[in-house]
Amino acid sequence: MKKTLIILSILSGLLLAAVGGWYGYNKMKYEKCYVKITENSKSGIVNPSTGFVDYNLMAYDKNGNEVPVKFWAKKKLKVNAYLAVDVFKPLNKDSNDINSYKEVTAEQLSEKVKEKLNVK
């Protein structure tokens, strides 16, 4: 009985270490950037073959550097919404895919990002 308990404890510890390592590794693969959904952007176009809405926008990292991103959503996103997007590293100058996005408030943006996105 004690052997089984010890083996289960060791396996549980190894599993927790593996999950923690995977989580930390995935956090290092992405860079947080910010975009604003606007009416006059050439994004938000419904792709007829998938039914999803395609977005190609300019995002900005926390230092205000431009990062072109592309992603899709199941529906049109709210106009004038600010999104935090996790962009796959390494960043390139042509286009970057994202892993996820989340709506944020203007107060959560850095001053340099606010300046680039014309937040008043």
N, C-alpha and C. Protein backbone atom coordinates (compact mmCIF):
# COMPACT_ATOMS: atom_id res chain seq x y z
N MET A 1 0.83 -1.20 0.00
CA MET A 1 0.00 0.00 0.00
C MET A 1 0.87 1.26 0.00
N LYS A 2 1.93 1.24 0.84
CA LYS A 2 2.80 2.41 0.91
C LYS A 2 3.54 2.63 -0.42
N LYS A 3 3.94 1.53 -1.05
CA LYS A 3 4.64 1.64 -2.34
C LYS A 3 3.73 2.29 -3.38
N THR A 4 2.49 1.87 -3.40
CA THR A 4 1.53 2.43 -4.36
C THR A 4 1.33 3.91 -4.11
N LEU A 5 1.21 4.29 -2.85
CA LEU A 5 1.03 5.70 -2.50
C LEU A 5 2.25 6.53 -2.88
N ILE A 6 3.43 5.99 -2.66
CA ILE A 6 4.67 6.70 -3.02
C ILE A 6 4.76 6.85 -4.53
N ILE A 7 4.47 5.80 -5.26
CA ILE A 7 4.53 5.85 -6.73
C ILE A 7 3.51 6.85 -7.27
N LEU A 8 2.30 6.84 -6.74
CA LEU A 8 1.27 7.80 -7.17
C LEU A 8 1.68 9.23 -6.85
N SER A 9 2.31 9.45 -5.70
CA SER A 9 2.78 10.79 -5.33
C SER A 9 3.86 11.28 -6.30
N ILE A 10 4.78 10.39 -6.63
CA ILE A 10 5.85 10.76 -7.56
C ILE A 10 5.28 11.06 -8.94
N LEU A 11 4.38 10.21 -9.42
CA LEU A 11 3.76 10.45 -10.73
C LEU A 11 2.96 11.74 -10.75
N SER A 12 2.25 12.04 -9.66
CA SER A 12 1.49 13.30 -9.58
C SER A 12 2.43 14.49 -9.63
N GLY A 13 3.55 14.40 -8.91
CA GLY A 13 4.53 15.48 -8.92
C GLY A 13 5.12 15.70 -10.31
N LEU A 14 5.43 14.61 -11.00
CA LEU A 14 5.97 14.72 -12.36
C LEU A 14 4.94 15.32 -13.31
N LEU A 15 3.69 14.92 -13.15
CA LEU A 15 2.63 15.47 -14.00
C LEU A 15 2.47 16.97 -13.77
N LEU A 16 2.47 17.39 -12.51
CA LEU A 16 2.36 18.83 -12.20
C LEU A 16 3.55 19.60 -12.77
N ALA A 17 4.75 19.04 -12.66
CA ALA A 17 5.94 19.71 -13.21
C ALA A 17 5.84 19.82 -14.72
N ALA A 18 5.35 18.78 -15.38
CA ALA A 18 5.21 18.82 -16.84
C ALA A 18 4.19 19.86 -17.28
N VAL A 19 3.06 19.92 -16.59
CA VAL A 19 2.03 20.91 -16.93
C VAL A 19 2.55 22.32 -16.69
N GLY A 20 3.23 22.54 -15.58
CA GLY A 20 3.80 23.86 -15.29
C GLY A 20 4.85 24.27 -16.32
N GLY A 21 5.68 23.32 -16.73
CA GLY A 21 6.69 23.61 -17.75
C GLY A 21 6.06 23.93 -19.09
N TRP A 22 5.03 23.20 -19.46
CA TRP A 22 4.32 23.45 -20.72
C TRP A 22 3.69 24.83 -20.71
N TYR A 23 3.07 25.19 -19.59
CA TYR A 23 2.43 26.50 -19.48
C TYR A 23 3.47 27.61 -19.61
N GLY A 24 4.59 27.47 -18.92
CA GLY A 24 5.64 28.48 -19.00
C GLY A 24 6.24 28.58 -20.40
N TYR A 25 6.44 27.45 -21.05
CA TYR A 25 6.97 27.44 -22.41
C TYR A 25 6.02 28.15 -23.37
N ASN A 26 4.73 27.87 -23.26
CA ASN A 26 3.76 28.52 -24.15
C ASN A 26 3.70 30.02 -23.92
N LYS A 27 3.87 30.48 -22.70
CA LYS A 27 3.87 31.92 -22.44
C LYS A 27 5.05 32.60 -23.12
N MET A 28 6.16 31.89 -23.28
CA MET A 28 7.34 32.47 -23.92
C MET A 28 7.21 32.53 -25.43
N LYS A 29 6.28 31.78 -26.01
CA LYS A 29 6.14 31.73 -27.47
C LYS A 29 5.33 32.89 -28.02
N TYR A 30 4.70 33.68 -27.17
CA TYR A 30 3.80 34.73 -27.63
C TYR A 30 4.24 36.10 -27.13
N GLU A 31 3.87 37.12 -27.90
CA GLU A 31 4.07 38.49 -27.45
C GLU A 31 2.71 39.18 -27.42
N LYS A 32 2.43 39.87 -26.34
CA LYS A 32 1.15 40.57 -26.19
C LYS A 32 1.20 41.86 -27.01
N CYS A 33 0.22 42.03 -27.89
CA CYS A 33 0.08 43.24 -28.70
C CYS A 33 -1.37 43.70 -28.62
N TYR A 34 -1.64 44.89 -29.13
CA TYR A 34 -2.97 45.48 -28.99
C TYR A 34 -3.46 46.03 -30.32
N VAL A 35 -4.75 45.82 -30.61
CA VAL A 35 -5.37 46.33 -31.82
C VAL A 35 -6.67 47.04 -31.46
N LYS A 36 -7.15 47.85 -32.40
CA LYS A 36 -8.45 48.50 -32.26
C LYS A 36 -9.28 48.11 -33.48
N ILE A 37 -10.49 47.66 -33.24
CA ILE A 37 -11.41 47.31 -34.32
C ILE A 37 -12.11 48.59 -34.76
N THR A 38 -11.97 48.95 -36.04
CA THR A 38 -12.59 50.18 -36.55
C THR A 38 -13.52 49.87 -37.71
N GLU A 39 -14.43 50.79 -37.97
CA GLU A 39 -15.37 50.62 -39.08
C GLU A 39 -14.69 50.73 -40.43
N ASN A 40 -13.74 51.67 -40.54
CA ASN A 40 -13.15 51.94 -41.85
C ASN A 40 -11.94 51.06 -42.17
N SER A 41 -11.67 50.05 -41.33
CA SER A 41 -10.56 49.16 -41.67
C SER A 41 -11.02 48.21 -42.77
N LYS A 42 -10.07 47.67 -43.50
CA LYS A 42 -10.41 46.74 -44.58
C LYS A 42 -10.53 45.33 -44.02
N SER A 43 -10.84 45.26 -42.75
CA SER A 43 -10.98 43.97 -42.09
C SER A 43 -12.44 43.72 -41.78
N GLY A 44 -12.69 42.63 -41.14
CA GLY A 44 -14.06 42.30 -40.78
C GLY A 44 -14.84 41.80 -41.97
N ILE A 45 -14.15 41.14 -42.89
CA ILE A 45 -14.78 40.63 -44.11
C ILE A 45 -15.13 39.16 -43.90
N VAL A 46 -16.37 38.81 -44.18
CA VAL A 46 -16.81 37.43 -44.02
C VAL A 46 -16.22 36.58 -45.14
N ASN A 47 -15.53 35.53 -44.76
CA ASN A 47 -14.96 34.60 -45.72
C ASN A 47 -16.06 33.64 -46.15
N PRO A 48 -16.46 33.65 -47.43
CA PRO A 48 -17.59 32.82 -47.86
C PRO A 48 -17.34 31.32 -47.73
N SER A 49 -16.10 30.90 -47.80
CA SER A 49 -15.83 29.45 -47.73
C SER A 49 -15.91 28.92 -46.29
N THR A 50 -15.62 29.77 -45.30
CA THR A 50 -15.64 29.30 -43.91
C THR A 50 -16.79 29.88 -43.10
N GLY A 51 -17.27 31.06 -43.50
CA GLY A 51 -18.30 31.74 -42.72
C GLY A 51 -17.74 32.56 -41.57
N PHE A 52 -16.41 32.51 -41.37
CA PHE A 52 -15.78 33.28 -40.32
C PHE A 52 -15.44 34.68 -40.83
N VAL A 53 -15.20 35.59 -39.90
CA VAL A 53 -14.85 36.96 -40.23
C VAL A 53 -13.33 37.09 -40.16
N ASP A 54 -12.71 37.48 -41.27
CA ASP A 54 -11.25 37.62 -41.34
C ASP A 54 -10.84 39.05 -40.99
N TYR A 55 -9.79 39.18 -40.19
CA TYR A 55 -9.26 40.48 -39.81
C TYR A 55 -7.78 40.54 -40.16
N ASN A 56 -7.36 41.62 -40.79
CA ASN A 56 -5.96 41.94 -41.05
C ASN A 56 -5.75 43.35 -40.55
N LEU A 57 -5.09 43.48 -39.41
CA LEU A 57 -4.96 44.78 -38.75
C LEU A 57 -3.52 45.05 -38.35
N MET A 58 -3.26 46.31 -38.01
CA MET A 58 -1.97 46.68 -37.46
C MET A 58 -2.11 46.67 -35.94
N ALA A 59 -1.28 45.88 -35.30
CA ALA A 59 -1.24 45.82 -33.84
C ALA A 59 0.01 46.56 -33.37
N TYR A 60 0.05 46.83 -32.08
CA TYR A 60 1.20 47.53 -31.50
C TYR A 60 1.62 46.81 -30.22
N ASP A 61 2.93 46.62 -30.07
CA ASP A 61 3.41 46.02 -28.83
C ASP A 61 3.44 47.09 -27.75
N LYS A 62 3.84 46.72 -26.53
CA LYS A 62 3.80 47.66 -25.40
C LYS A 62 4.69 48.87 -25.61
N ASN A 63 5.68 48.77 -26.52
CA ASN A 63 6.58 49.89 -26.80
C ASN A 63 6.11 50.75 -27.98
N GLY A 64 4.95 50.39 -28.57
CA GLY A 64 4.41 51.16 -29.68
C GLY A 64 4.92 50.73 -31.05
N ASN A 65 5.64 49.62 -31.13
CA ASN A 65 6.14 49.13 -32.42
C ASN A 65 5.02 48.45 -33.19
N GLU A 66 4.96 48.69 -34.51
CA GLU A 66 3.92 48.10 -35.35
C GLU A 66 4.15 46.61 -35.56
N VAL A 67 3.06 45.86 -35.50
CA VAL A 67 3.08 44.42 -35.74
C VAL A 67 1.84 44.07 -36.56
N PRO A 68 1.99 43.77 -37.87
CA PRO A 68 0.81 43.39 -38.66
C PRO A 68 0.31 42.02 -38.21
N VAL A 69 -1.00 41.91 -37.98
CA VAL A 69 -1.57 40.64 -37.53
C VAL A 69 -2.76 40.24 -38.38
N LYS A 70 -3.02 38.95 -38.41
CA LYS A 70 -4.22 38.44 -39.07
C LYS A 70 -4.84 37.39 -38.17
N PHE A 71 -6.18 37.40 -38.12
CA PHE A 71 -6.89 36.42 -37.33
C PHE A 71 -8.33 36.35 -37.81
N TRP A 72 -9.09 35.41 -37.29
CA TRP A 72 -10.49 35.29 -37.66
C TRP A 72 -11.33 35.20 -36.38
N ALA A 73 -12.59 35.52 -36.53
CA ALA A 73 -13.55 35.43 -35.43
C ALA A 73 -14.82 34.78 -35.95
N LYS A 74 -15.60 34.21 -35.07
CA LYS A 74 -16.84 33.55 -35.48
C LYS A 74 -17.92 34.56 -35.85
N LYS A 75 -17.76 35.80 -35.37
CA LYS A 75 -18.73 36.86 -35.68
C LYS A 75 -17.98 38.18 -35.77
N LYS A 76 -18.65 39.21 -36.31
CA LYS A 76 -18.02 40.53 -36.37
C LYS A 76 -17.78 41.04 -34.96
N LEU A 77 -16.61 41.60 -34.76
CA LEU A 77 -16.27 42.12 -33.44
C LEU A 77 -16.80 43.54 -33.28
N LYS A 78 -16.98 43.93 -32.04
CA LYS A 78 -17.54 45.24 -31.72
C LYS A 78 -16.62 46.36 -32.23
N VAL A 79 -17.22 47.33 -32.92
CA VAL A 79 -16.46 48.47 -33.45
C VAL A 79 -15.95 49.31 -32.28
N ASN A 80 -14.74 49.82 -32.40
CA ASN A 80 -14.04 50.62 -31.40
C ASN A 80 -13.63 49.82 -30.17
N ALA A 81 -13.62 48.50 -30.29
CA ALA A 81 -13.15 47.65 -29.19
C ALA A 81 -11.62 47.55 -29.26
N TYR A 82 -11.00 47.48 -28.10
CA TYR A 82 -9.56 47.26 -28.01
C TYR A 82 -9.35 45.79 -27.66
N LEU A 83 -8.44 45.15 -28.37
CA LEU A 83 -8.15 43.74 -28.12
C LEU A 83 -6.68 43.56 -27.77
N ALA A 84 -6.43 42.71 -26.78
CA ALA A 84 -5.09 42.23 -26.49
C ALA A 84 -4.96 40.92 -27.25
N VAL A 85 -3.97 40.83 -28.13
CA VAL A 85 -3.78 39.63 -28.94
C VAL A 85 -2.43 39.00 -28.60
N ASP A 86 -2.40 37.68 -28.50
CA ASP A 86 -1.15 36.95 -28.28
C ASP A 86 -0.60 36.55 -29.64
N VAL A 87 0.47 37.22 -30.06
CA VAL A 87 1.06 37.02 -31.38
C VAL A 87 2.19 36.00 -31.27
N PHE A 88 2.19 35.04 -32.20
CA PHE A 88 3.26 34.04 -32.22
C PHE A 88 4.60 34.71 -32.48
N LYS A 89 5.63 34.31 -31.74
CA LYS A 89 7.00 34.76 -31.98
C LYS A 89 7.66 33.78 -32.93
N PRO A 90 8.67 34.12 -33.68
CA PRO A 90 9.22 35.46 -33.82
C PRO A 90 8.32 36.32 -34.71
N LEU A 91 8.29 37.60 -34.41
CA LEU A 91 7.47 38.53 -35.17
C LEU A 91 8.10 38.78 -36.54
N ASN A 92 7.27 38.92 -37.56
CA ASN A 92 7.82 39.29 -38.86
C ASN A 92 7.09 40.52 -39.39
N LYS A 93 7.68 41.16 -40.38
CA LYS A 93 7.18 42.47 -40.83
C LYS A 93 5.99 42.38 -41.77
N ASP A 94 5.70 41.19 -42.32
CA ASP A 94 4.62 41.08 -43.31
C ASP A 94 3.27 40.76 -42.68
N SER A 95 3.20 39.70 -41.91
CA SER A 95 1.95 39.32 -41.28
C SER A 95 2.23 38.30 -40.20
N ASN A 96 1.45 38.36 -39.13
CA ASN A 96 1.64 37.45 -38.01
C ASN A 96 0.30 36.86 -37.60
N ASP A 97 0.30 35.56 -37.34
CA ASP A 97 -0.89 34.90 -36.81
C ASP A 97 -0.95 35.10 -35.30
N ILE A 98 -2.15 35.01 -34.77
CA ILE A 98 -2.29 35.14 -33.32
C ILE A 98 -2.81 33.83 -32.75
N ASN A 99 -2.57 33.63 -31.46
CA ASN A 99 -3.06 32.46 -30.76
C ASN A 99 -4.42 32.73 -30.14
N SER A 100 -4.60 33.92 -29.57
CA SER A 100 -5.86 34.24 -28.91
C SER A 100 -6.01 35.76 -28.83
N TYR A 101 -7.23 36.18 -28.52
CA TYR A 101 -7.48 37.60 -28.30
C TYR A 101 -8.48 37.76 -27.17
N LYS A 102 -8.41 38.94 -26.53
CA LYS A 102 -9.31 39.23 -25.42
C LYS A 102 -9.58 40.72 -25.43
N GLU A 103 -10.84 41.11 -25.23
CA GLU A 103 -11.16 42.53 -25.20
C GLU A 103 -10.61 43.15 -23.92
N VAL A 104 -10.03 44.35 -24.06
CA VAL A 104 -9.49 45.09 -22.92
C VAL A 104 -10.04 46.51 -22.96
N THR A 105 -9.87 47.22 -21.86
CA THR A 105 -10.31 48.62 -21.80
C THR A 105 -9.15 49.53 -22.18
N ALA A 106 -9.46 50.76 -22.51
CA ALA A 106 -8.42 51.73 -22.87
C ALA A 106 -7.45 51.96 -21.71
N GLU A 107 -7.94 51.84 -20.49
CA GLU A 107 -7.08 52.05 -19.32
C GLU A 107 -6.00 50.98 -19.20
N GLN A 108 -6.21 49.84 -19.80
CA GLN A 108 -5.24 48.75 -19.72
C GLN A 108 -4.11 48.89 -20.75
N LEU A 109 -4.21 49.85 -21.64
CA LEU A 109 -3.20 50.05 -22.68
C LEU A 109 -2.06 50.91 -22.15
N SER A 110 -0.83 50.65 -22.63
CA SER A 110 0.30 51.50 -22.26
C SER A 110 0.16 52.85 -22.96
N GLU A 111 0.87 53.83 -22.48
CA GLU A 111 0.78 55.18 -23.06
C GLU A 111 1.21 55.18 -24.54
N LYS A 112 2.23 54.42 -24.86
CA LYS A 112 2.70 54.37 -26.26
C LYS A 112 1.66 53.73 -27.17
N VAL A 113 0.97 52.70 -26.68
CA VAL A 113 -0.08 52.05 -27.47
C VAL A 113 -1.26 52.99 -27.61
N LYS A 114 -1.63 53.70 -26.54
CA LYS A 114 -2.73 54.67 -26.60
C LYS A 114 -2.45 55.72 -27.66
N GLU A 115 -1.21 56.17 -27.72
CA GLU A 115 -0.81 57.18 -28.70
C GLU A 115 -0.97 56.63 -30.13
N LYS A 116 -0.54 55.40 -30.36
CA LYS A 116 -0.62 54.80 -31.70
C LYS A 116 -2.06 54.52 -32.12
N LEU A 117 -2.92 54.15 -31.15
CA LEU A 117 -4.31 53.83 -31.46
C LEU A 117 -5.24 55.04 -31.34
N ASN A 118 -4.66 56.22 -31.14
CA ASN A 118 -5.42 57.47 -31.02
C ASN A 118 -6.49 57.41 -29.94
N VAL A 119 -6.10 56.91 -28.77
CA VAL A 119 -7.02 56.86 -27.63
C VAL A 119 -7.03 58.23 -26.99
N LYS A 120 -8.22 58.76 -26.80
CA LYS A 120 -8.33 60.10 -26.20
C LYS A 120 -8.66 60.00 -24.74
